[in-house]
Structures are given as C-alpha cells and as structure tokens.
Amino acid sequence: MKINVKNTRRVAFLLGLLMLLSTVLAACVNLDEVPEVDPGEILGDTSIGESIATEDEIPTPDGATAAPVNVKVVNVTPSTIAISGNCEPNAVIRVTGGAKEVETVANGNYFVIQVDILYAVNKLFVTAQVDKKDVSPAREVNANYNATAESLLNGNNVSVGVDSHLYFDKMIDDAAGKNIYTATQLEAIRNYVNKTVYNYNVQEAGQQPVELIYVLVPNSTTIYPDVVPEGTFTPGSTTVYNQVLSTLNSTMATVVDMREIFLAELANTENIQKYGALYRETDSGLADYGAYLTYKAITDILQKNFPSAAGRGLEEFTWKDENSKGGNLVEYRGLDKTVITENIKLATPNFSMALGVDAKGSSALTSLRKYDNIKNKEYSFFETVNANDNVNGIAERWIIDTQRADANLPNGIIYRDNSALPYSDILAERFNKCVLALSGDYNIDISQASQYKAEGKNVVDYIVVIVSEENMDTAFRAAFN
C-alpha cells in the first residue's frame, strides 16, 4: 500500500497546532476555580439513592422558632418530592434549594410540602417560623432523583394540597368535570334505576310500601375546595355529582343529597366546634360528625313509616377527643403516620350495641371490627376483606339480625362503599334485620329483597344505596352493561 506522505504531514501539523492551543488555554484558566461536575447531577433514568434529612438536634436561638423535626422525604414523581415533619403549631414552612422557593402552613403541629427538584442530587433547606418569633435554624435535606417513583394506578394516588392537606387525585377530576357522563350514559342510569324500582316496588312488593333510597356523599374537596391549589376548579363547570343528582331526581327513587346538607352545616360553627369536622384530614373517610349527619338523613326517611327507626340524637353519643395516627391518605402517600397525626372527635354510642347473634355469615353489632387498631391509636377504618381471618370486618358482607321482633323496625339491604364505614354499625342498629353488602358491591339483587323480608311481608322495607362522589363509576357500572 502506498502511503500519501503529503496527507500524513498535514495531519501531523494539525495535531501539533491543537496541542499548542490546549497549552495556551490551560495557562489562561485557573483550574482550581473550575467546579467539579458530578455525573450524578445530570438527571437521567437511574435512581441516585434514598432521599434523607439530617436528624441531628438543632439548638434553638433565643427568640427563634424551633427547627422542624422528624423530617422525612418521599418521591412523589422522579423529580418531585414531598417533605413532611413536625413543627411548632401552625408554623410557616419554607423550603429553599429546589427549582423554586416554596412554602406552606403547617396543619397543627405537622406539615407536608411538595417541592420540585433540579438535579439528581439536591441539597435543600427547611425552616419554620411562627408569629412573633424569628425564623428557625434550617434543617438540611438531601433530595434525590428517583426514576422508580410513579403515581399509583389504582385510584389511590395522593397529592399534597394547600396548607399541608392531602387528597386523592381522582377528586380533582371529579370536581373539575373531567370525567362527566354522556347523555347516553345518563339515560342508561335513569333506566337502570327506574327498572330496579319497578321490579322491587311493583313486581315483588305488591301492596307493601317499600322504598329504594340513593344517598349521594360528596368528596371532601367538594365541601372544602380551598385545600387544592388555586385555579384547579372552574366555577360553574358540570360535574359528575351534579349529573347523577339531577338524573336520580328524575327517577322513582328517593334521593338524599348530602352535599346540600354538609354545605348548610358549615355555617353551624357551634356544632362543628362541639362535634368536630365533617371529614377526616388524614383519612379519606367521613369524620364522625359527617357520618352522623348522613346516618340521620337516612333515618329521617325510615321514621316516616317506622317511627321507632328514628335516628339517635347527638346527646345519645359521647363525643370524645382522640389523637389518631395518620390515616389512609398518609399511608398511600408513603408518609409517616406516627408523625402526621390527627385530633378527631370520636362518637361512642351510649346505647347498647350488643344486638344480634354470631352465626355463619352473620355477627352481632359488637363483633364488627370498625377501626384498624384502637389500642395503637389507629382510627383508620378497617377495610380488609378476608373471609378466612376470623375477623368480622366492617367492610365485609354481614347479616345483622338485632333480635328485636317486639319493636316496629324495618328490614333492609344496604349497598355501600367505604364512605359508609364510619356509620354502618349504628345504621344497622335502626333495623330489625339488615344486610350490609360488601363495600363496593353495587350489584342490586332483587331476589334478596324477598329472602330477608320480615314475617308477613313480601320483601324488605328498604333498599339503601350509599354512593360517594369518587365512586360513581362503580355504583352505576351495571347500568352500562
């Protein structure tokens, strides 16, 4: 092979010129002043490691707010984190070092704040400040990019709202009108409900007075829209709640609109102060007062034909303050439920709940396990469904026969979702015999209406269907089949 000497010399000349330029540049730049670039600081598709916060005790200077404690970091998305912890009551929490400075107000003595991060490895600083005190020393947080963090796809993804509040993402879609029904679907719901009423009332009941009751329970964000970021909702937009309420009101069913009742009750500050909030703050369930109001709205209908089924008065419960560990919103978001706790008003019946018997497929009211773990201060509602665990869970299907044939009480079937767990037991107490359907099972079986009837009757007196706003699709699935 013949070598091209001319080209070889040209390449050698260019290499020499490049080396000379490199030498000149090196002489002009102080390499000690050039920052080192960590390859991990470039966002990529790999996780860098667990995000952590310093746990060292930080002294509080005179006149200053105490530094946040029990601080924990979890990734909401690969490049968004939630920081939680404890602080002085209602402190303003600020975080610097992220994509931008962010702040929130603590909810009592805990806070949750969402921060977008810029790099794979981020050093953030968290401070707290209460009125009439200086800002606290900063708590240092290492927040890392985590490629494995992703939203939950089972409808249980939780976002961080205003002033340390939490809510299910789906509630935003419900309130913003992003999942509204078509005219065809609404007509299907109307036909389904009317057909159910006809089969139950006309074909099965005969001359016996019976009633199909739909109870609509709004999401917490519908009653307290201020917990979500400003601009999330468009005023006056059509929502799935509005659609279903209007459609059911055009059927032969009886409809209870708990949104109207709850909104009216917000003005009753005396009762709110005495009996507590309408919704839990760390759990998606109703608080005991919101549960009582729903129970009372249902029993107000029952007592029209069965005066003995009137709802118990507020004075027939003991309303006690309890501090509960964080509920399912805290758990789904991956936060520490021993740090994010909640003060609740717990309603305990002053009347006997020792009604019914334990038998196959049934249990006494006192046998229903309502809370996760009372001894451990976990007042989230026990949602586990397991026929083999020898536990009568409040969410499972149970037949309650209260054994009070001498009282003029109705028989009924209650279809429900988890919004009814706080009051399923006291509602069942207002019936002689009551079937509590499996939570989330809305397959209305008219044949059961005759199976659980009282002696001398053709069917049960009431079928009650309790539906939360976030669960409309499940409740009316049968209408679309």
Protein backbone atom coordinates (compact mmCIF):
# COMPACT_ATOMS: atom_id res chain seq x y z
CA MET A 1 0.00 0.00 0.00
CA LYS A 2 1.34 3.39 -0.94
CA ILE A 3 1.35 5.99 1.85
CA ASN A 4 0.28 9.54 0.98
CA VAL A 5 3.16 11.46 2.57
CA LYS A 6 1.55 14.81 1.85
CA ASN A 7 -1.62 13.97 3.80
CA THR A 8 0.39 12.48 6.68
CA ARG A 9 2.35 15.69 7.12
CA ARG A 10 -0.88 17.72 7.09
CA VAL A 11 -2.39 15.61 9.92
CA ALA A 12 0.75 15.91 11.99
CA PHE A 13 0.70 19.69 11.60
CA LEU A 14 -2.95 19.91 12.77
CA LEU A 15 -2.27 17.72 15.83
CA GLY A 16 0.63 19.90 16.81
CA LEU A 17 -1.47 23.05 16.45
CA LEU A 18 -4.19 21.52 18.68
CA MET A 19 -1.68 20.67 21.41
CA LEU A 20 -0.33 24.24 21.30
CA LEU A 21 -3.80 25.73 21.69
CA SER A 22 -4.52 23.43 24.66
CA THR A 23 -1.35 24.62 26.39
CA VAL A 24 -2.27 28.27 25.89
CA LEU A 25 -5.81 27.76 27.23
CA ALA A 26 -4.57 25.91 30.30
CA ALA A 27 -2.25 28.80 31.06
CA CYS A 28 -5.15 31.28 30.92
CA VAL A 29 -7.56 29.36 33.17
CA ASN A 30 -7.18 28.69 36.90
CA LEU A 31 -8.27 25.07 37.07
CA ASP A 32 -8.73 25.31 40.83
CA GLU A 33 -11.66 27.66 40.22
CA VAL A 34 -13.48 25.32 37.84
CA PRO A 35 -16.26 23.50 39.75
CA GLU A 36 -16.23 19.74 39.66
CA VAL A 37 -19.22 18.27 37.85
CA ASP A 38 -20.69 15.19 39.42
CA PRO A 39 -22.11 12.98 36.65
CA GLY A 40 -24.94 12.13 39.05
CA GLU A 41 -26.09 15.73 38.93
CA ILE A 42 -27.41 15.29 35.41
CA LEU A 43 -30.98 13.98 35.53
CA GLY A 44 -31.10 10.59 33.95
CA ASP A 45 -33.05 7.37 34.06
CA THR A 46 -31.38 5.91 37.13
CA SER A 47 -32.09 6.40 40.81
CA ILE A 48 -29.36 8.08 42.83
CA GLY A 49 -30.41 6.81 46.24
CA GLU A 50 -32.76 7.39 49.13
CA SER A 51 -33.67 10.97 49.99
CA ILE A 52 -32.92 11.74 53.63
CA ALA A 53 -32.99 14.57 56.15
CA THR A 54 -30.48 15.26 58.91
CA GLU A 55 -31.66 14.02 62.30
CA ASP A 56 -29.20 15.91 64.48
CA GLU A 57 -30.63 18.03 67.26
CA ILE A 58 -30.51 21.69 66.26
CA PRO A 59 -30.31 24.22 69.12
CA THR A 60 -32.94 26.97 69.04
CA PRO A 61 -31.54 30.50 69.45
CA ASP A 62 -33.35 32.89 71.80
CA GLY A 63 -36.44 34.33 70.15
CA ALA A 64 -36.36 31.90 67.25
CA THR A 65 -38.79 29.21 66.15
CA ALA A 66 -37.68 25.62 66.76
CA ALA A 67 -36.32 23.80 63.72
CA PRO A 68 -38.59 21.17 62.12
CA VAL A 69 -38.13 17.64 63.47
CA ASN A 70 -39.00 14.09 62.38
CA VAL A 71 -38.48 15.24 58.81
CA LYS A 72 -38.99 12.66 56.08
CA VAL A 73 -38.66 12.86 52.30
CA VAL A 74 -40.51 10.72 49.74
CA ASN A 75 -40.58 10.99 45.97
CA VAL A 76 -43.98 11.84 44.50
CA THR A 77 -42.54 11.60 40.98
CA PRO A 78 -38.93 11.06 39.89
CA SER A 79 -38.22 14.80 40.22
CA THR A 80 -40.85 15.91 42.75
CA ILE A 81 -40.66 15.19 46.47
CA ALA A 82 -42.91 15.57 49.49
CA ILE A 83 -41.29 16.68 52.73
CA SER A 84 -43.14 16.08 55.99
CA GLY A 85 -42.38 16.53 59.65
CA ASN A 86 -43.35 18.14 62.94
CA CYS A 87 -43.01 21.77 63.94
CA GLU A 88 -44.42 24.42 66.23
CA PRO A 89 -48.20 24.71 65.75
CA ASN A 90 -49.30 26.38 62.51
CA ALA A 91 -45.80 27.45 61.56
CA VAL A 92 -44.99 28.72 58.08
CA ILE A 93 -42.67 26.16 56.48
CA ARG A 94 -40.24 27.28 53.76
CA VAL A 95 -38.02 25.13 51.57
CA THR A 96 -35.14 26.56 49.54
CA GLY A 97 -32.71 24.90 47.17
CA GLY A 98 -35.27 23.34 44.84
CA ALA A 99 -36.48 24.53 41.47
CA LYS A 100 -38.02 27.45 43.36
CA GLU A 101 -38.61 28.50 46.95
CA VAL A 102 -41.89 27.09 48.26
CA GLU A 103 -43.82 27.49 51.49
CA THR A 104 -46.86 26.09 53.26
CA VAL A 105 -48.63 26.47 56.58
CA ALA A 106 -48.47 23.55 58.98
CA ASN A 107 -51.70 21.79 59.88
CA GLY A 108 -51.43 21.95 63.63
CA ASN A 109 -48.05 20.52 64.52
CA TYR A 110 -47.34 18.65 61.27
CA PHE A 111 -46.56 19.80 57.76
CA VAL A 112 -46.42 18.31 54.28
CA ILE A 113 -44.94 20.31 51.41
CA GLN A 114 -44.25 19.42 47.79
CA VAL A 115 -41.02 20.50 46.10
CA ASP A 116 -39.71 20.17 42.55
CA ILE A 117 -36.01 19.39 42.37
CA LEU A 118 -33.48 20.42 39.72
CA TYR A 119 -30.74 17.82 39.87
CA ALA A 120 -30.23 14.17 40.62
CA VAL A 121 -28.65 15.16 43.94
CA ASN A 122 -30.17 18.18 45.68
CA LYS A 123 -29.40 19.84 48.97
CA LEU A 124 -32.49 21.57 50.36
CA PHE A 125 -33.06 23.59 53.50
CA VAL A 126 -36.28 23.54 55.54
CA THR A 127 -37.15 26.29 58.02
CA ALA A 128 -40.16 27.11 60.20
CA GLN A 129 -41.45 30.39 61.55
CA VAL A 130 -44.37 31.24 63.82
CA ASP A 131 -45.83 34.63 64.53
CA LYS A 132 -43.72 36.91 66.75
CA LYS A 133 -40.68 34.64 66.50
CA ASP A 134 -37.62 34.65 64.28
CA VAL A 135 -37.15 32.05 61.59
CA SER A 136 -35.79 28.71 62.80
CA PRO A 137 -32.39 27.26 62.02
CA ALA A 138 -32.53 25.27 58.80
CA ARG A 139 -32.96 21.51 58.63
CA GLU A 140 -30.84 20.10 55.81
CA VAL A 141 -32.48 17.66 53.40
CA ASN A 142 -30.86 15.57 50.68
CA ALA A 143 -33.42 15.06 47.93
CA ASN A 144 -32.58 12.72 45.09
CA TYR A 145 -33.98 11.96 41.68
CA ASN A 146 -35.72 8.57 41.77
CA ALA A 147 -36.60 7.03 38.42
CA THR A 148 -38.76 4.34 40.06
CA ALA A 149 -41.21 6.79 41.68
CA GLU A 150 -44.56 6.81 39.92
CA SER A 151 -48.19 7.58 40.55
CA LEU A 152 -50.38 4.78 41.89
CA LEU A 153 -52.57 3.45 39.11
CA ASN A 154 -55.32 2.02 41.33
CA GLY A 155 -57.05 5.33 42.01
CA ASN A 156 -55.23 5.81 45.30
CA ASN A 157 -52.65 8.37 44.23
CA VAL A 158 -52.47 11.20 46.78
CA SER A 159 -51.38 14.79 46.16
CA VAL A 160 -50.24 17.47 48.57
CA GLY A 161 -52.59 20.45 48.68
CA VAL A 162 -52.74 23.84 50.35
CA ASP A 163 -51.60 24.21 53.96
CA SER A 164 -50.39 20.62 54.32
CA HIS A 165 -53.67 18.98 53.26
CA LEU A 166 -53.82 15.71 51.33
CA TYR A 167 -56.38 14.47 48.82
CA PHE A 168 -56.90 11.76 46.22
CA ASP A 169 -56.03 12.90 42.68
CA LYS A 170 -59.32 11.49 41.40
CA MET A 171 -61.22 14.04 43.47
CA ILE A 172 -59.75 16.77 41.28
CA ASP A 173 -61.06 15.10 38.14
CA ASP A 174 -64.48 14.73 39.76
CA ALA A 175 -64.71 18.39 40.75
CA ALA A 176 -63.16 19.75 37.56
CA GLY A 177 -65.65 17.93 35.34
CA LYS A 178 -63.01 15.83 33.58
CA ASN A 179 -64.99 12.58 33.79
CA ILE A 180 -68.56 13.62 33.11
CA TYR A 181 -71.11 11.21 31.64
CA THR A 182 -72.54 11.38 28.16
CA ALA A 183 -76.26 11.87 27.59
CA THR A 184 -76.48 8.19 26.63
CA GLN A 185 -74.86 7.10 29.89
CA LEU A 186 -77.17 9.31 31.96
CA GLU A 187 -80.17 7.82 30.18
CA ALA A 188 -78.80 4.35 30.98
CA ILE A 189 -78.55 5.28 34.68
CA ARG A 190 -82.10 6.61 34.66
CA ASN A 191 -83.46 3.46 33.00
CA TYR A 192 -81.48 1.19 35.33
CA VAL A 193 -82.77 2.89 38.50
CA ASN A 194 -86.37 3.02 37.27
CA LYS A 195 -86.24 -0.65 36.30
CA THR A 196 -84.88 -1.52 39.74
CA VAL A 197 -87.65 0.46 41.45
CA TYR A 198 -90.27 -1.19 39.25
CA ASN A 199 -89.01 -4.73 39.91
CA TYR A 200 -88.72 -4.07 43.64
CA ASN A 201 -91.82 -1.97 44.17
CA VAL A 202 -94.35 -3.29 41.69
CA GLN A 203 -93.43 -6.86 40.84
CA GLU A 204 -92.09 -8.02 44.20
CA ALA A 205 -93.65 -5.85 46.92
CA GLY A 206 -97.27 -5.91 45.82
CA GLN A 207 -99.25 -3.59 48.08
CA GLN A 208 -96.45 -3.37 50.67
CA PRO A 209 -94.96 0.17 50.95
CA VAL A 210 -91.25 -0.05 50.07
CA GLU A 211 -88.58 2.44 49.07
CA LEU A 212 -85.32 2.50 47.11
CA ILE A 213 -83.10 5.22 48.60
CA TYR A 214 -79.98 6.64 46.92
CA VAL A 215 -77.64 8.58 49.21
CA LEU A 216 -75.01 10.73 47.47
CA VAL A 217 -71.94 11.65 49.54
CA PRO A 218 -69.64 14.37 48.14
CA ASN A 219 -65.84 14.26 48.14
CA SER A 220 -64.09 16.26 50.84
CA THR A 221 -62.67 18.59 48.17
CA THR A 222 -66.22 19.44 47.06
CA ILE A 223 -67.03 20.71 50.55
CA TYR A 224 -63.57 22.16 51.26
CA PRO A 225 -62.27 23.33 47.83
CA ASP A 226 -59.70 25.62 49.47
CA VAL A 227 -57.44 22.63 50.18
CA VAL A 228 -56.49 22.32 46.48
CA PRO A 229 -54.31 24.82 44.60
CA GLU A 230 -55.99 27.98 43.36
CA GLY A 231 -57.32 27.73 39.83
CA THR A 232 -57.83 23.97 39.96
CA PHE A 233 -61.61 24.19 39.59
CA THR A 234 -63.64 26.17 37.09
CA PRO A 235 -66.68 27.73 38.81
CA GLY A 236 -69.96 26.55 37.35
CA SER A 237 -68.50 23.63 35.45
CA THR A 238 -70.56 20.46 35.09
CA THR A 239 -69.52 17.69 37.46
CA VAL A 240 -70.37 14.04 37.73
CA TYR A 241 -72.06 14.73 41.09
CA ASN A 242 -74.37 17.31 39.51
CA GLN A 243 -75.17 14.95 36.66
CA VAL A 244 -76.02 11.96 38.86
CA LEU A 245 -78.02 14.06 41.32
CA SER A 246 -80.13 15.53 38.51
CA THR A 247 -80.60 12.14 36.87
CA LEU A 248 -81.64 10.36 40.08
CA ASN A 249 -84.11 13.14 40.89
CA SER A 250 -85.88 12.30 37.63
CA THR A 251 -86.36 8.65 38.66
CA MET A 252 -88.77 6.90 41.01
CA ALA A 253 -86.06 6.51 43.66
CA THR A 254 -85.80 8.63 46.82
CA VAL A 255 -82.63 10.76 46.73
CA VAL A 256 -80.59 12.17 49.63
CA ASP A 257 -78.15 14.94 48.67
CA MET A 258 -75.53 15.09 51.41
CA ARG A 259 -73.71 17.91 49.62
CA GLU A 260 -76.60 20.26 50.35
CA ILE A 261 -76.74 19.11 53.96
CA PHE A 262 -72.97 19.41 54.52
CA LEU A 263 -72.70 22.86 52.92
CA ALA A 264 -75.53 24.12 55.10
CA GLU A 265 -73.89 22.64 58.20
CA LEU A 266 -70.63 24.53 57.60
CA ALA A 267 -72.40 27.66 58.86
CA ASN A 268 -73.22 25.90 62.14
CA THR A 269 -69.90 26.75 63.77
CA GLU A 270 -71.21 25.85 67.23
CA ASN A 271 -71.89 22.25 66.21
CA ILE A 272 -68.62 21.98 64.26
CA GLN A 273 -66.76 23.15 67.36
CA LYS A 274 -68.63 20.73 69.62
CA TYR A 275 -68.82 17.63 67.43
CA GLY A 276 -65.85 18.04 65.10
CA ALA A 277 -65.29 18.35 61.36
CA LEU A 278 -67.32 16.71 58.61
CA TYR A 279 -64.34 14.87 57.10
CA ARG A 280 -61.14 13.41 58.42
CA GLU A 281 -57.99 15.27 57.40
CA THR A 282 -55.51 12.42 57.08
CA ASP A 283 -58.04 9.78 56.03
CA SER A 284 -60.44 9.81 53.08
CA GLY A 285 -63.37 8.81 55.30
CA LEU A 286 -66.02 10.96 56.91
CA ALA A 287 -65.35 12.21 60.40
CA ASP A 288 -67.84 11.00 63.00
CA TYR A 289 -69.93 14.17 62.79
CA GLY A 290 -70.22 13.96 59.00
CA ALA A 291 -71.05 10.28 59.45
CA TYR A 292 -73.75 11.13 61.99
CA LEU A 293 -75.37 13.67 59.66
CA THR A 294 -75.51 11.08 56.87
CA TYR A 295 -76.95 8.47 59.23
CA LYS A 296 -79.55 10.99 60.44
CA ALA A 297 -80.57 11.90 56.87
CA ILE A 298 -81.25 8.22 56.13
CA THR A 299 -83.13 7.53 59.35
CA ASP A 300 -85.28 10.63 58.78
CA ILE A 301 -86.69 8.74 55.79
CA LEU A 302 -87.07 5.47 57.71
CA GLN A 303 -89.06 7.06 60.51
CA LYS A 304 -91.82 8.21 58.18
CA ASN A 305 -93.16 4.66 58.05
CA PHE A 306 -91.31 3.33 61.11
CA PRO A 307 -91.26 5.94 63.91
CA SER A 308 -89.17 3.60 66.08
CA ALA A 309 -86.38 3.78 63.46
CA ALA A 310 -85.78 7.49 64.05
CA GLY A 311 -82.10 8.33 64.33
CA ARG A 312 -80.48 8.58 67.73
CA GLY A 313 -79.91 12.11 68.99
CA LEU A 314 -76.47 13.70 69.25
CA GLU A 315 -76.82 13.53 73.03
CA GLU A 316 -77.05 9.74 72.84
CA PHE A 317 -73.37 9.59 71.94
CA THR A 318 -70.31 10.51 73.95
CA TRP A 319 -68.12 12.84 71.87
CA LYS A 320 -64.52 12.37 72.94
CA ASP A 321 -61.29 13.93 71.68
CA GLU A 322 -58.72 11.40 70.48
CA ASN A 323 -55.36 11.73 68.79
CA SER A 324 -55.21 9.31 65.89
CA LYS A 325 -52.27 8.19 63.83
CA GLY A 326 -52.38 9.27 60.21
CA GLY A 327 -54.98 7.60 58.00
CA ASN A 328 -55.03 6.10 54.53
CA LEU A 329 -54.07 9.34 52.74
CA VAL A 330 -50.84 9.39 54.74
CA GLU A 331 -50.23 5.71 54.09
CA TYR A 332 -50.86 5.89 50.33
CA ARG A 333 -48.52 8.89 50.04
CA GLY A 334 -45.79 6.94 51.84
CA LEU A 335 -45.54 9.35 54.76
CA ASP A 336 -45.03 8.53 58.43
CA LYS A 337 -48.39 8.12 60.18
CA THR A 338 -46.74 8.42 63.59
CA VAL A 339 -45.58 11.93 62.61
CA ILE A 340 -48.70 13.06 60.75
CA THR A 341 -51.35 12.51 63.39
CA GLU A 342 -54.85 13.93 63.69
CA ASN A 343 -57.07 15.13 66.51
CA ILE A 344 -60.54 13.66 65.98
CA LYS A 345 -63.90 13.70 67.74
CA LEU A 346 -64.90 10.11 68.35
CA ALA A 347 -68.60 9.36 68.85
CA THR A 348 -69.27 6.39 71.16
CA PRO A 349 -72.88 5.18 71.50
CA ASN A 350 -74.36 5.49 74.97
CA PHE A 351 -76.98 2.92 73.96
CA SER A 352 -76.35 -0.82 73.77
CA MET A 353 -74.88 -2.21 70.56
CA ALA A 354 -74.91 -5.76 71.97
CA LEU A 355 -77.52 -6.81 69.44
CA GLY A 356 -77.69 -9.83 67.19
CA VAL A 357 -76.00 -13.20 67.31
CA ASP A 358 -72.86 -14.67 65.86
CA ALA A 359 -73.61 -17.25 63.22
CA LYS A 360 -72.34 -18.32 59.82
CA GLY A 361 -72.43 -15.26 57.59
CA SER A 362 -73.68 -13.00 60.36
CA SER A 363 -72.50 -11.40 63.55
CA ALA A 364 -73.56 -9.22 66.42
CA LEU A 365 -73.00 -5.48 66.01
CA THR A 366 -70.36 -5.54 68.72
CA SER A 367 -68.40 -8.12 66.71
CA LEU A 368 -67.80 -5.80 63.76
CA ARG A 369 -64.24 -4.53 63.66
CA LYS A 370 -64.51 -0.88 62.70
CA TYR A 371 -61.02 0.58 63.18
CA ASP A 372 -57.56 -0.65 62.25
CA ASN A 373 -56.08 -0.81 65.73
CA ILE A 374 -57.65 1.19 68.56
CA LYS A 375 -55.00 0.14 71.09
CA ASN A 376 -52.34 1.58 68.81
CA LYS A 377 -54.37 4.78 68.21
CA GLU A 378 -55.01 3.87 64.58
CA TYR A 379 -58.53 5.06 63.86
CA SER A 380 -58.44 4.47 60.13
CA PHE A 381 -61.35 2.30 59.06
CA PHE A 382 -60.68 -1.41 58.78
CA GLU A 383 -61.02 -2.06 55.04
CA THR A 384 -59.57 -5.58 54.92
CA VAL A 385 -61.86 -8.17 53.34
CA ASN A 386 -60.83 -11.72 54.21
CA ALA A 387 -63.33 -14.48 54.85
CA ASN A 388 -60.65 -16.71 56.41
CA ASP A 389 -59.17 -14.37 59.03
CA ASN A 390 -61.89 -14.95 61.67
CA VAL A 391 -62.42 -11.19 61.85
CA ASN A 392 -65.80 -9.62 61.12
CA GLY A 393 -64.52 -6.59 59.23
CA ILE A 394 -66.81 -3.57 58.89
CA ALA A 395 -66.25 -3.56 55.09
CA GLU A 396 -67.30 -7.19 54.63
CA ARG A 397 -70.76 -8.50 53.84
CA TRP A 398 -72.68 -9.27 57.01
CA ILE A 399 -76.24 -10.01 58.02
CA ILE A 400 -77.29 -8.25 61.21
CA ASP A 401 -80.38 -9.61 62.97
CA THR A 402 -80.85 -7.41 66.00
CA GLN A 403 -83.41 -9.82 67.52
CA ARG A 404 -85.98 -7.13 68.35
CA ALA A 405 -89.20 -8.54 66.96
CA ASP A 406 -91.16 -6.58 69.58
CA ALA A 407 -90.06 -3.23 68.11
CA ASN A 408 -91.62 -1.85 64.93
CA LEU A 409 -88.39 -1.64 62.96
CA PRO A 410 -87.82 -2.20 59.24
CA ASN A 411 -85.82 -4.83 57.41
CA GLY A 412 -83.42 -3.61 54.76
CA ILE A 413 -80.46 -4.15 52.47
CA ILE A 414 -77.68 -1.55 52.41
CA TYR A 415 -75.35 -1.25 49.43
CA ARG A 416 -72.40 0.98 50.23
CA ASP A 417 -68.78 1.92 49.69
CA ASN A 418 -66.10 2.91 52.19
CA SER A 419 -67.76 6.28 52.81
CA ALA A 420 -70.36 4.38 54.88
CA LEU A 421 -67.90 2.51 57.11
CA PRO A 422 -67.97 5.13 59.91
CA TYR A 423 -71.71 4.66 60.47
CA SER A 424 -72.60 1.23 59.04
CA ASP A 425 -72.94 -0.19 62.54
CA ILE A 426 -75.23 2.49 64.00
CA LEU A 427 -77.34 2.50 60.81
CA ALA A 428 -77.79 -1.28 61.04
CA GLU A 429 -78.95 -0.77 64.66
CA ARG A 430 -82.01 1.07 63.32
CA PHE A 431 -83.22 -2.09 61.52
CA ASN A 432 -84.68 -5.32 62.80
CA LYS A 433 -82.74 -7.29 60.20
CA CYS A 434 -80.20 -5.67 57.95
CA VAL A 435 -77.90 -6.94 55.21
CA LEU A 436 -74.70 -4.91 54.89
CA ALA A 437 -73.42 -5.58 51.38
CA LEU A 438 -69.70 -5.94 50.75
CA SER A 439 -68.23 -2.46 50.49
CA GLY A 440 -68.09 -1.54 46.80
CA ASP A 441 -70.60 -4.20 45.72
CA TYR A 442 -73.47 -2.41 43.97
CA ASN A 443 -74.99 -5.42 42.28
CA ILE A 444 -78.55 -4.87 43.50
CA ASP A 445 -80.10 -8.32 43.79
CA ILE A 446 -83.90 -8.06 43.94
CA SER A 447 -84.17 -11.74 44.89
CA GLN A 448 -82.53 -10.89 48.21
CA ALA A 449 -85.30 -8.40 48.87
CA SER A 450 -87.66 -11.33 49.43
CA GLN A 451 -85.05 -13.54 51.07
CA TYR A 452 -84.55 -11.13 54.01
CA LYS A 453 -88.14 -9.93 54.39
CA ALA A 454 -89.93 -9.76 57.72
CA GLU A 455 -92.63 -12.28 58.54
CA GLY A 456 -95.90 -11.40 56.82
CA LYS A 457 -94.23 -9.23 54.16
CA ASN A 458 -93.22 -9.83 50.57
CA VAL A 459 -89.85 -8.03 50.53
CA VAL A 460 -87.59 -5.94 52.75
CA ASP A 461 -88.91 -2.49 53.55
CA TYR A 462 -85.92 -0.53 52.22
CA ILE A 463 -83.04 -0.86 49.84
CA VAL A 464 -80.47 1.84 50.63
CA VAL A 465 -77.68 2.61 48.15
CA ILE A 466 -74.90 4.85 49.54
CA VAL A 467 -72.53 6.24 46.89
CA SER A 468 -69.57 8.57 47.34
CA GLU A 469 -68.75 11.07 44.60
CA GLU A 470 -65.43 9.38 43.83
CA ASN A 471 -67.19 6.04 43.33
CA MET A 472 -69.96 6.85 40.86
CA ASP A 473 -68.49 4.66 38.12
CA THR A 474 -68.55 1.60 40.35
CA ALA A 475 -72.05 2.27 41.61
CA PHE A 476 -73.57 2.54 38.13
CA ARG A 477 -71.43 0.01 36.27
CA ALA A 478 -74.40 -2.32 35.97
CA ALA A 479 -76.35 0.41 34.15
CA PHE A 480 -73.81 0.44 31.32
CA ASN A 481 -73.73 -3.34 30.77
